[in-house]
Amino acid sequence: MQLPALQSAKLIRRYKRFMADVELSDHSLLTLHCANTGAMTGCGEQGDTVWYSDSKSTTRKYPHSWELTQLANGQLVCINTQRSNQLTLEALQQKKIVELADYDDIQAEVKYGEENSRIDFLLKGPNLPDCYVEVKSVTLVKANMGMFPDAVTTRGQKHLRELIAMKKQGHRAVIFFAGLHNGFNHFKVAEYIDPEYAKLLTLAQQEGVEVYCYGCEFQYQDGVPITLTLTHSIEIQS
């Protein structure tokens, strides 16, 4: 996935969930829009390098958007979780997710279920069961272990219930954890953060819901990140 043109700054603080103040190289201050409404644990500490884009919009109050954080250890994390679906769609189209490579018809944001939900991707193919794919972003990493969620997620719990129902109706149902952080090589559910989500995921797997996690890589040009790609399957630990 091609990233927008990025510029760097130093993070001062994130506040009001949607806003972040950064310091530019000339020591001036700039307020960025933050598309990530989650806890963002470990994704942006004061002094970290922030990579931001400029929409050039004349109508947005905050036309600049926080896209990536470069951590003190040099690792990169895409904090704009809206990118996870774009990243996953590209991987599906390019047949990089081997477990789902047989499907050619990819439909996004399809209404389904009994709890007024929208599935991220509904996959269809000749002589194949419909496949419901829910995408989750992995940005929480501790000691090379990627984890989800980074906060209690009642919405995520609902999605698991919906996927279980789809599986019981004879469809394929998939929860896909998309790595937006290049610093992990194993994955597990953060049970200590949301034990109900962990319980439901275990139940979902017992009911036949498939669970996959893929890691990512960033490419640079002249020291600036320019692409983000899902590249490899990550081992899931119980």
C-alpha atoms as a PDB file:
ATOM      1  CA  MET A   1       0.000   0.000   0.000  1.00  0.00           C
ATOM      2  CA  GLN A   2       1.370   3.369  -1.011  1.00  0.00           C
ATOM      3  CA  LEU A   3       1.479   5.731   1.929  1.00  0.00           C
ATOM      4  CA  PRO A   4       0.665   9.405   1.470  1.00  0.00           C
ATOM      5  CA  ALA A   5       3.599  11.817   1.304  1.00  0.00           C
ATOM      6  CA  LEU A   6       4.916  12.020   4.847  1.00  0.00           C
ATOM      7  CA  GLN A   7       6.756  14.591   6.923  1.00  0.00           C
ATOM      8  CA  SER A   8       8.289  14.087  10.351  1.00  0.00           C
ATOM      9  CA  ALA A   9       7.878  15.890  13.666  1.00  0.00           C
ATOM     10  CA  LYS A  10       8.376  15.285  17.374  1.00  0.00           C
ATOM     11  CA  LEU A  11       5.347  14.266  19.422  1.00  0.00           C
ATOM     12  CA  ILE A  12       4.457  16.550  22.308  1.00  0.00           C
ATOM     13  CA  ARG A  13       1.126  15.086  23.384  1.00  0.00           C
ATOM     14  CA  ARG A  14      -2.079  13.434  22.243  1.00  0.00           C
ATOM     15  CA  TYR A  15      -5.343  14.709  23.727  1.00  0.00           C
ATOM     16  CA  LYS A  16      -9.120  14.689  23.263  1.00  0.00           C
ATOM     17  CA  ARG A  17      -8.640  11.347  21.442  1.00  0.00           C
ATOM     18  CA  PHE A  18      -8.633  12.998  18.007  1.00  0.00           C
ATOM     19  CA  MET A  19      -5.833  15.547  18.380  1.00  0.00           C
ATOM     20  CA  ALA A  20      -2.069  15.606  18.813  1.00  0.00           C
ATOM     21  CA  ASP A  21       0.426  18.444  19.112  1.00  0.00           C
ATOM     22  CA  VAL A  22       3.832  18.035  17.469  1.00  0.00           C
ATOM     23  CA  GLU A  23       6.978  20.119  17.172  1.00  0.00           C
ATOM     24  CA  LEU A  24       8.401  20.720  13.709  1.00  0.00           C
ATOM     25  CA  SER A  25      12.087  21.012  12.809  1.00  0.00           C
ATOM     26  CA  ASP A  26      11.890  24.810  13.025  1.00  0.00           C
ATOM     27  CA  HIS A  27      10.468  24.430  16.584  1.00  0.00           C
ATOM     28  CA  SER A  28       7.017  25.638  15.540  1.00  0.00           C
ATOM     29  CA  LEU A  29       3.984  23.716  16.760  1.00  0.00           C
ATOM     30  CA  LEU A  30       1.355  21.939  14.675  1.00  0.00           C
ATOM     31  CA  THR A  31      -1.875  20.207  15.673  1.00  0.00           C
ATOM     32  CA  LEU A  32      -2.613  16.948  13.869  1.00  0.00           C
ATOM     33  CA  HIS A  33      -5.816  14.986  13.501  1.00  0.00           C
ATOM     34  CA  CYS A  34      -5.576  11.502  15.025  1.00  0.00           C
ATOM     35  CA  ALA A  35      -7.793   8.877  13.358  1.00  0.00           C
ATOM     36  CA  ASN A  36      -7.106   6.291  16.070  1.00  0.00           C
ATOM     37  CA  THR A  37      -9.676   6.518  18.863  1.00  0.00           C
ATOM     38  CA  GLY A  38      -8.242   3.610  20.851  1.00  0.00           C
ATOM     39  CA  ALA A  39      -5.877   3.569  23.795  1.00  0.00           C
ATOM     40  CA  MET A  40      -2.803   3.592  21.498  1.00  0.00           C
ATOM     41  CA  THR A  41      -0.762   1.925  24.230  1.00  0.00           C
ATOM     42  CA  GLY A  42       2.925   2.170  23.351  1.00  0.00           C
ATOM     43  CA  CYS A  43       2.160   3.864  20.037  1.00  0.00           C
ATOM     44  CA  GLY A  44       3.194   7.383  20.883  1.00  0.00           C
ATOM     45  CA  GLU A  45       5.198   8.643  23.826  1.00  0.00           C
ATOM     46  CA  GLN A  46       6.351  12.198  24.250  1.00  0.00           C
ATOM     47  CA  GLY A  47       9.453  12.707  22.129  1.00  0.00           C
ATOM     48  CA  ASP A  48       8.694   9.932  19.623  1.00  0.00           C
ATOM     49  CA  THR A  49       9.009  10.727  15.939  1.00  0.00           C
ATOM     50  CA  VAL A  50       5.649  11.229  14.238  1.00  0.00           C
ATOM     51  CA  TRP A  51       5.133  10.893  10.499  1.00  0.00           C
ATOM     52  CA  TYR A  52       2.169  12.923   9.268  1.00  0.00           C
ATOM     53  CA  SER A  53       0.382  13.628   5.998  1.00  0.00           C
ATOM     54  CA  ASP A  54      -1.094  16.845   4.633  1.00  0.00           C
ATOM     55  CA  SER A  55      -4.510  16.604   2.991  1.00  0.00           C
ATOM     56  CA  LYS A  56      -4.145  20.130   1.546  1.00  0.00           C
ATOM     57  CA  SER A  57      -7.807  20.575   2.470  1.00  0.00           C
ATOM     58  CA  THR A  58      -9.033  24.130   2.876  1.00  0.00           C
ATOM     59  CA  THR A  59     -12.168  23.049   4.732  1.00  0.00           C
ATOM     60  CA  ARG A  60     -10.749  20.712   7.399  1.00  0.00           C
ATOM     61  CA  LYS A  61      -9.975  22.384  10.700  1.00  0.00           C
ATOM     62  CA  TYR A  62      -6.938  20.121  11.065  1.00  0.00           C
ATOM     63  CA  PRO A  63      -5.792  19.179   7.544  1.00  0.00           C
ATOM     64  CA  HIS A  64      -2.710  17.284   8.763  1.00  0.00           C
ATOM     65  CA  SER A  65      -3.094  13.654   9.882  1.00  0.00           C
ATOM     66  CA  TRP A  66      -0.927  11.522  12.158  1.00  0.00           C
ATOM     67  CA  GLU A  67      -0.070   8.408  10.144  1.00  0.00           C
ATOM     68  CA  LEU A  68       2.913   6.622  11.729  1.00  0.00           C
ATOM     69  CA  THR A  69       4.969   6.637  14.891  1.00  0.00           C
ATOM     70  CA  GLN A  70       8.651   5.781  14.883  1.00  0.00           C
ATOM     71  CA  LEU A  71       9.400   4.426  18.341  1.00  0.00           C
ATOM     72  CA  ALA A  72      12.592   4.997  20.297  1.00  0.00           C
ATOM     73  CA  ASN A  73      13.813   1.513  19.238  1.00  0.00           C
ATOM     74  CA  GLY A  74      13.354   2.410  15.559  1.00  0.00           C
ATOM     75  CA  GLN A  75      10.270   0.265  15.006  1.00  0.00           C
ATOM     76  CA  LEU A  76       7.349   1.732  13.063  1.00  0.00           C
ATOM     77  CA  VAL A  77       3.653   1.528  13.835  1.00  0.00           C
ATOM     78  CA  CYS A  78       0.814   2.803  11.661  1.00  0.00           C
ATOM     79  CA  ILE A  79      -1.548   4.458  14.117  1.00  0.00           C
ATOM     80  CA  ASN A  80      -4.114   5.345  11.461  1.00  0.00           C
ATOM     81  CA  THR A  81      -6.271   2.228  11.887  1.00  0.00           C
ATOM     82  CA  GLN A  82      -8.302   3.190   8.828  1.00  0.00           C
ATOM     83  CA  ARG A  83      -5.325   1.896   6.864  1.00  0.00           C
ATOM     84  CA  SER A  84      -5.875  -1.689   8.077  1.00  0.00           C
ATOM     85  CA  ASN A  85      -8.820  -2.310   5.753  1.00  0.00           C
ATOM     86  CA  GLN A  86      -7.009  -0.695   2.817  1.00  0.00           C
ATOM     87  CA  LEU A  87      -3.983  -2.859   3.555  1.00  0.00           C
ATOM     88  CA  THR A  88      -6.075  -6.023   3.849  1.00  0.00           C
ATOM     89  CA  LEU A  89      -8.015  -5.281   0.663  1.00  0.00           C
ATOM     90  CA  GLU A  90      -4.764  -4.924  -1.268  1.00  0.00           C
ATOM     91  CA  ALA A  91      -3.504  -8.224   0.176  1.00  0.00           C
ATOM     92  CA  LEU A  92      -6.760  -9.964  -0.772  1.00  0.00           C
ATOM     93  CA  GLN A  93      -6.656  -8.590  -4.299  1.00  0.00           C
ATOM     94  CA  GLN A  94      -3.035  -9.647  -4.736  1.00  0.00           C
ATOM     95  CA  LYS A  95      -3.698 -13.128  -3.258  1.00  0.00           C
ATOM     96  CA  LYS A  96      -1.154 -12.589  -0.483  1.00  0.00           C
ATOM     97  CA  ILE A  97      -3.414 -14.040   2.206  1.00  0.00           C
ATOM     98  CA  VAL A  98      -2.998 -17.666   1.183  1.00  0.00           C
ATOM     99  CA  GLU A  99      -5.885 -18.928   3.317  1.00  0.00           C
ATOM    100  CA  LEU A 100      -8.293 -16.700   1.343  1.00  0.00           C
ATOM    101  CA  ALA A 101      -6.630 -16.731  -2.075  1.00  0.00           C
ATOM    102  CA  ASP A 102      -9.365 -18.793  -3.794  1.00  0.00           C
ATOM    103  CA  TYR A 103     -11.855 -15.921  -3.704  1.00  0.00           C
ATOM    104  CA  ASP A 104     -12.096 -13.388  -6.540  1.00  0.00           C
ATOM    105  CA  ASP A 105     -15.259 -11.453  -5.601  1.00  0.00           C
ATOM    106  CA  ILE A 106     -14.466  -9.049  -2.743  1.00  0.00           C
ATOM    107  CA  GLN A 107     -17.255  -6.893  -1.326  1.00  0.00           C
ATOM    108  CA  ALA A 108     -16.576  -4.320   1.391  1.00  0.00           C
ATOM    109  CA  GLU A 109     -18.773  -3.026   4.222  1.00  0.00           C
ATOM    110  CA  VAL A 110     -21.707  -5.393   3.678  1.00  0.00           C
ATOM    111  CA  LYS A 111     -24.578  -5.321   6.162  1.00  0.00           C
ATOM    112  CA  TYR A 112     -25.134  -8.627   7.931  1.00  0.00           C
ATOM    113  CA  GLY A 113     -26.055 -10.311  11.188  1.00  0.00           C
ATOM    114  CA  GLU A 114     -28.635  -9.757  13.877  1.00  0.00           C
ATOM    115  CA  GLU A 115     -26.792  -6.980  15.733  1.00  0.00           C
ATOM    116  CA  ASN A 116     -26.844  -4.340  12.980  1.00  0.00           C
ATOM    117  CA  SER A 117     -23.288  -5.009  11.827  1.00  0.00           C
ATOM    118  CA  ARG A 118     -21.235  -4.484   8.698  1.00  0.00           C
ATOM    119  CA  ILE A 119     -18.639  -7.065   7.740  1.00  0.00           C
ATOM    120  CA  ASP A 120     -15.347  -5.611   6.555  1.00  0.00           C
ATOM    121  CA  PHE A 121     -15.163  -8.011   3.606  1.00  0.00           C
ATOM    122  CA  LEU A 122     -17.579 -10.550   2.168  1.00  0.00           C
ATOM    123  CA  LEU A 123     -15.760 -12.925  -0.173  1.00  0.00           C
ATOM    124  CA  LYS A 124     -17.548 -14.958  -2.825  1.00  0.00           C
ATOM    125  CA  GLY A 125     -16.416 -17.492  -5.379  1.00  0.00           C
ATOM    126  CA  PRO A 126     -17.851 -20.252  -7.577  1.00  0.00           C
ATOM    127  CA  ASN A 127     -18.494 -23.456  -5.642  1.00  0.00           C
ATOM    128  CA  LEU A 128     -17.169 -21.820  -2.475  1.00  0.00           C
ATOM    129  CA  PRO A 129     -19.022 -20.924   0.718  1.00  0.00           C
ATOM    130  CA  ASP A 130     -19.438 -17.204   1.327  1.00  0.00           C
ATOM    131  CA  CYS A 131     -16.626 -16.005   3.581  1.00  0.00           C
ATOM    132  CA  TYR A 132     -17.151 -13.253   6.155  1.00  0.00           C
ATOM    133  CA  VAL A 133     -13.910 -11.505   7.110  1.00  0.00           C
ATOM    134  CA  GLU A 134     -13.621  -9.135  10.061  1.00  0.00           C
ATOM    135  CA  VAL A 135     -10.358  -7.135  10.211  1.00  0.00           C
ATOM    136  CA  LYS A 136      -8.685  -5.950  13.419  1.00  0.00           C
ATOM    137  CA  SER A 137      -5.577  -3.765  13.692  1.00  0.00           C
ATOM    138  CA  VAL A 138      -2.598  -4.935  15.740  1.00  0.00           C
ATOM    139  CA  THR A 139      -0.694  -1.962  17.155  1.00  0.00           C
ATOM    140  CA  LEU A 140      -0.023  -3.145  20.720  1.00  0.00           C
ATOM    141  CA  VAL A 141       3.354  -4.894  20.973  1.00  0.00           C
ATOM    142  CA  LYS A 142       5.295  -5.999  24.033  1.00  0.00           C
ATOM    143  CA  ALA A 143       8.588  -7.904  23.817  1.00  0.00           C
ATOM    144  CA  ASN A 144       8.010  -8.932  20.162  1.00  0.00           C
ATOM    145  CA  MET A 145       4.469 -10.122  20.991  1.00  0.00           C
ATOM    146  CA  GLY A 146       1.629  -8.488  19.094  1.00  0.00           C
ATOM    147  CA  MET A 147      -1.647  -8.278  20.988  1.00  0.00           C
ATOM    148  CA  PHE A 148      -5.258  -7.295  20.505  1.00  0.00           C
ATOM    149  CA  PRO A 149      -7.190  -5.454  21.843  1.00  0.00           C
ATOM    150  CA  ASP A 150      -5.442  -2.532  23.526  1.00  0.00           C
ATOM    151  CA  ALA A 151      -8.646  -1.598  25.370  1.00  0.00           C
ATOM    152  CA  VAL A 152     -11.955  -3.272  26.212  1.00  0.00           C
ATOM    153  CA  THR A 153     -13.875  -3.582  22.935  1.00  0.00           C
ATOM    154  CA  THR A 154     -17.608  -4.217  23.142  1.00  0.00           C
ATOM    155  CA  ARG A 155     -17.728  -3.661  19.386  1.00  0.00           C
ATOM    156  CA  GLY A 156     -15.159  -6.401  18.872  1.00  0.00           C
ATOM    157  CA  GLN A 157     -17.157  -8.715  21.119  1.00  0.00           C
ATOM    158  CA  LYS A 158     -20.220  -8.089  18.984  1.00  0.00           C
ATOM    159  CA  HIS A 159     -18.292  -8.937  15.832  1.00  0.00           C
ATOM    160  CA  LEU A 160     -17.236 -12.285  17.294  1.00  0.00           C
ATOM    161  CA  ARG A 161     -20.837 -13.148  18.125  1.00  0.00           C
ATOM    162  CA  GLU A 162     -21.854 -12.261  14.567  1.00  0.00           C
ATOM    163  CA  LEU A 163     -19.091 -14.417  13.086  1.00  0.00           C
ATOM    164  CA  ILE A 164     -20.117 -17.369  15.237  1.00  0.00           C
ATOM    165  CA  ALA A 165     -23.665 -16.983  13.915  1.00  0.00           C
ATOM    166  CA  MET A 166     -22.432 -16.879  10.302  1.00  0.00           C
ATOM    167  CA  LYS A 167     -20.414 -20.050  10.833  1.00  0.00           C
ATOM    168  CA  LYS A 168     -23.434 -21.822  12.288  1.00  0.00           C
ATOM    169  CA  GLN A 169     -25.350 -20.874   9.125  1.00  0.00           C
ATOM    170  CA  GLY A 170     -22.815 -22.765   7.022  1.00  0.00           C
ATOM    171  CA  HIS A 171     -20.584 -19.898   5.867  1.00  0.00           C
ATOM    172  CA  ARG A 172     -16.880 -19.393   6.397  1.00  0.00           C
ATOM    173  CA  ALA A 173     -16.126 -16.860   9.106  1.00  0.00           C
ATOM    174  CA  VAL A 174     -12.708 -15.286   9.625  1.00  0.00           C
ATOM    175  CA  ILE A 175     -11.214 -12.891  12.133  1.00  0.00           C
ATOM    176  CA  PHE A 176      -8.110 -11.381  10.525  1.00  0.00           C
ATOM    177  CA  PHE A 177      -5.553  -9.554  12.641  1.00  0.00           C
ATOM    178  CA  ALA A 178      -3.635  -7.124  10.421  1.00  0.00           C
ATOM    179  CA  GLY A 179      -0.255  -6.101  11.783  1.00  0.00           C
ATOM    180  CA  LEU A 180       0.300  -2.356  11.619  1.00  0.00           C
ATOM    181  CA  HIS A 181       3.487  -2.638  13.700  1.00  0.00           C
ATOM    182  CA  ASN A 182       6.719  -4.123  12.347  1.00  0.00           C
ATOM    183  CA  GLY A 183       8.078  -5.182  15.739  1.00  0.00           C
ATOM    184  CA  PHE A 184       6.376  -8.510  16.483  1.00  0.00           C
ATOM    185  CA  ASN A 185       6.756 -12.126  15.388  1.00  0.00           C
ATOM    186  CA  HIS A 186       4.141 -13.804  17.606  1.00  0.00           C
ATOM    187  CA  PHE A 187       0.553 -12.895  18.407  1.00  0.00           C
ATOM    188  CA  LYS A 188      -1.914 -13.526  21.201  1.00  0.00           C
ATOM    189  CA  VAL A 189      -5.127 -12.029  22.514  1.00  0.00           C
ATOM    190  CA  ALA A 190      -4.637  -9.543  25.341  1.00  0.00           C
ATOM    191  CA  GLU A 191      -6.767 -11.436  27.832  1.00  0.00           C
ATOM    192  CA  TYR A 192      -5.565  -9.218  30.677  1.00  0.00           C
ATOM    193  CA  ILE A 193      -7.112  -6.213  28.926  1.00  0.00           C
ATOM    194  CA  ASP A 194     -10.419  -7.717  27.740  1.00  0.00           C
ATOM    195  CA  PRO A 195     -11.124 -11.161  29.217  1.00  0.00           C
ATOM    196  CA  GLU A 196     -14.598 -11.239  27.634  1.00  0.00           C
ATOM    197  CA  TYR A 197     -13.118 -10.773  24.166  1.00  0.00           C
ATOM    198  CA  ALA A 198     -10.623 -13.563  24.855  1.00  0.00           C
ATOM    199  CA  LYS A 199     -13.425 -15.840  26.049  1.00  0.00           C
ATOM    200  CA  LEU A 200     -15.519 -15.138  22.954  1.00  0.00           C
ATOM    201  CA  LEU A 201     -12.568 -15.691  20.619  1.00  0.00           C
ATOM    202  CA  THR A 202     -11.929 -19.094  22.184  1.00  0.00           C
ATOM    203  CA  LEU A 203     -15.602 -19.940  21.737  1.00  0.00           C
ATOM    204  CA  ALA A 204     -15.496 -18.708  18.145  1.00  0.00           C
ATOM    205  CA  GLN A 205     -12.557 -20.977  17.346  1.00  0.00           C
ATOM    206  CA  GLN A 206     -14.348 -23.915  18.925  1.00  0.00           C
ATOM    207  CA  GLU A 207     -17.330 -23.168  16.669  1.00  0.00           C
ATOM    208  CA  GLY A 208     -15.095 -23.158  13.580  1.00  0.00           C
ATOM    209  CA  VAL A 209     -14.355 -19.455  13.105  1.00  0.00           C
ATOM    210  CA  GLU A 210     -10.915 -19.151  11.495  1.00  0.00           C
ATOM    211  CA  VAL A 211      -8.305 -16.868  13.042  1.00  0.00           C
ATOM    212  CA  TYR A 212      -5.287 -15.511  11.145  1.00  0.00           C
ATOM    213  CA  CYS A 213      -2.652 -12.875  11.813  1.00  0.00           C
ATOM    214  CA  TYR A 214      -0.282 -11.323   9.274  1.00  0.00           C
ATOM    215  CA  GLY A 215       2.725  -9.130   9.887  1.00  0.00           C
ATOM    216  CA  CYS A 216       3.818  -6.115   7.871  1.00  0.00           C
ATOM    217  CA  GLU A 217       6.856  -4.451   6.377  1.00  0.00           C
ATOM    218  CA  PHE A 218       7.584  -0.793   5.639  1.00  0.00           C
ATOM    219  CA  GLN A 219       9.724   0.375   2.756  1.00  0.00           C
ATOM    220  CA  TYR A 220      11.660   3.643   2.752  1.00  0.00           C
ATOM    221  CA  GLN A 221      12.890   6.112   0.192  1.00  0.00           C
ATOM    222  CA  ASP A 222      15.500   8.643   1.267  1.00  0.00           C
ATOM    223  CA  GLY A 223      14.743   7.800   4.890  1.00  0.00           C
ATOM    224  CA  VAL A 224      10.992   8.380   4.559  1.00  0.00           C
ATOM    225  CA  PRO A 225       8.445   5.511   4.821  1.00  0.00           C
ATOM    226  CA  ILE A 226       6.664   5.181   1.473  1.00  0.00           C
ATOM    227  CA  THR A 227       4.853   1.817   1.513  1.00  0.00           C
ATOM    228  CA  LEU A 228       3.240  -0.562   3.994  1.00  0.00           C
ATOM    229  CA  THR A 229       2.557  -4.171   3.031  1.00  0.00           C
ATOM    230  CA  LEU A 230       1.203  -7.309   4.686  1.00  0.00           C
ATOM    231  CA  THR A 231       3.911  -9.863   4.015  1.00  0.00           C
ATOM    232  CA  HIS A 232       3.801 -12.976   6.191  1.00  0.00           C
ATOM    233  CA  SER A 233       1.720 -15.121   8.484  1.00  0.00           C
ATOM    234  CA  ILE A 234       2.343 -14.703  12.212  1.00  0.00           C
ATOM    235  CA  GLU A 235       2.173 -17.564  14.711  1.00  0.00           C
ATOM    236  CA  ILE A 236      -0.814 -17.263  17.042  1.00  0.00           C
ATOM    237  CA  GLN A 237      -0.296 -18.333  20.634  1.00  0.00           C
ATOM    238  CA  SER A 238      -3.062 -19.371  23.006  1.00  0.00           C
END
